[in-house]
Protein backbone atom coordinates (compact mmCIF):
# COMPACT_ATOMS: atom_id res chain seq x y z
CA MET A 1 0.00 0.00 0.00
CA ALA A 2 2.86 2.33 0.81
CA GLY A 3 4.51 1.58 -2.51
CA VAL A 4 1.45 2.50 -4.57
CA SER A 5 0.95 6.00 -3.20
CA ARG A 6 4.12 7.86 -4.05
CA ALA A 7 3.36 11.06 -2.20
CA GLN A 8 2.28 9.50 1.09
CA GLY A 9 4.16 6.19 1.00
CA ALA A 10 6.57 7.03 3.81
CA GLU A 11 3.77 8.36 6.01
CA LEU A 12 1.68 5.21 5.50
CA LEU A 13 4.67 3.02 6.29
CA ARG A 14 5.36 4.97 9.49
CA LEU A 15 1.73 4.52 10.51
CA PHE A 16 2.06 0.72 10.68
CA TYR A 17 5.79 0.49 11.42
CA PRO A 18 6.94 3.46 13.51
CA HIS A 19 10.39 1.86 13.83
CA THR A 20 11.59 0.83 10.37
CA GLU A 21 14.10 -1.69 11.72
CA ASN A 22 11.13 -3.72 12.92
CA LEU A 23 9.81 -3.87 9.36
CA TYR A 24 12.94 -5.65 8.16
CA PHE A 25 12.87 -7.97 11.16
CA LEU A 26 9.23 -8.86 10.41
CA MET A 27 10.09 -9.49 6.77
CA GLY A 28 12.68 -11.97 7.99
CA ILE A 29 10.11 -13.62 10.25
CA GLY A 30 7.83 -14.04 7.23
CA LEU A 31 10.41 -15.91 5.14
CA PRO A 32 9.67 -19.34 6.69
CA ALA A 33 5.97 -18.87 5.86
CA LEU A 34 6.90 -18.13 2.25
CA PHE A 35 9.10 -21.23 2.25
CA LEU A 36 6.16 -23.31 3.50
CA MET A 37 3.94 -21.89 0.76
CA TRP A 38 6.51 -22.97 -1.81
CA LEU A 39 6.90 -26.33 -0.11
CA SER A 40 3.16 -27.00 -0.30
CA GLY A 41 3.35 -26.91 -4.07
CA VAL A 42 6.34 -29.22 -4.48
CA ARG A 43 5.66 -31.87 -1.86
CA HIS A 44 4.80 -35.34 -3.04
CA LYS A 45 4.05 -38.57 -1.22
CA ASN A 46 7.37 -40.15 -2.23
CA ASN A 47 9.74 -37.32 -1.20
CA LYS A 48 10.77 -38.04 2.39
CA MET A 49 12.90 -34.93 2.91
CA ILE A 50 10.20 -32.46 1.86
CA ASN A 51 7.50 -34.32 3.80
CA GLY A 52 9.75 -34.34 6.87
CA ALA A 53 10.16 -30.57 6.65
CA TRP A 54 6.42 -30.18 6.03
CA ARG A 55 5.55 -31.90 9.32
CA TYR A 56 7.29 -29.08 11.22
CA GLY A 57 5.33 -26.40 9.34
CA ARG A 58 2.81 -25.76 12.10
CA PHE A 59 5.60 -25.33 14.65
CA ILE A 60 7.44 -22.99 12.28
CA LEU A 61 4.34 -20.84 11.77
CA LEU A 62 3.61 -20.74 15.51
CA SER A 63 7.20 -19.70 16.19
CA GLY A 64 6.92 -16.89 13.65
CA TYR A 65 3.68 -15.65 15.17
CA ALA A 66 5.17 -15.83 18.66
CA LEU A 67 8.13 -13.71 17.54
CA ASP A 68 5.74 -11.26 15.90
CA LEU A 69 3.70 -11.07 19.09
CA VAL A 70 6.82 -10.41 21.17
CA LEU A 71 7.85 -7.63 18.78
CA GLN A 72 4.40 -6.04 18.95
CA VAL A 73 4.44 -6.09 22.75
CA TYR A 74 7.90 -4.53 22.62
CA GLN A 75 6.56 -1.76 20.37
CA LEU A 76 3.73 -1.16 22.84
CA THR A 77 6.24 -0.77 25.66
CA LEU A 78 8.17 1.75 23.57
CA LEU A 79 4.95 3.73 23.11
CA ARG A 80 4.29 3.38 26.87
CA GLY A 81 0.88 1.85 26.23
CA ALA A 82 -0.45 4.71 24.12
CA PHE A 83 -3.44 3.50 22.09
CA SER A 84 -3.33 3.51 18.32
CA TRP A 85 -5.75 1.78 15.99
CA PRO A 86 -3.16 0.22 13.67
CA ALA A 87 -1.26 -1.32 16.59
CA ALA A 88 -4.48 -2.58 18.20
CA VAL A 89 -5.81 -4.15 15.01
CA THR A 90 -2.47 -5.75 14.19
CA LEU A 91 -2.19 -7.18 17.70
CA LEU A 92 -5.74 -8.49 17.58
CA VAL A 93 -5.24 -10.17 14.20
CA THR A 94 -1.97 -11.73 15.35
CA ILE A 95 -3.56 -13.18 18.48
CA TRP A 96 -6.56 -14.44 16.50
CA LEU A 97 -4.40 -16.15 13.85
CA MET A 98 -2.17 -17.68 16.52
CA ALA A 99 -5.22 -19.09 18.31
CA TYR A 100 -6.46 -20.48 14.99
CA LEU A 101 -3.13 -22.23 14.37
CA VAL A 102 -3.22 -23.76 17.86
CA ARG A 103 -6.85 -24.87 17.89
CA SER A 104 -7.68 -25.74 14.28
CA SER A 105 -7.94 -29.43 13.47
CA ARG A 106 -7.74 -28.55 9.78
CA VAL A 107 -4.30 -26.99 10.24
CA ARG A 108 -3.23 -29.95 12.38
CA HIS A 109 -4.31 -32.40 9.66
CA THR A 110 -2.73 -30.32 6.90
CA PHE A 111 0.71 -30.55 8.46
CA ALA A 112 0.28 -34.15 9.67
CA ASN A 113 0.73 -35.89 6.34
């Protein structure tokens, strides 16, 4: 979104990521999820190495969300608990998706085979 609007791109980016070093850290956290997306397309029943890595996918995603949650709580401590809608919505979505990964039988079955 920040890349599309040339005039206000930096302002939009600062709205969601007040500390730009956190943006690069979060991009790094997202790389395992991209790897799992790629892995879902190339896995076959007869490839033991890819299927072995696939079984750890749920743990990898949960670890990424946990790191994201820790970073968001750290950002809240830097703001000294000041309320902002982007931070609140992002925190809520992160907690909701993490709960879905923990509780969903569909996700559990997806990474089981």
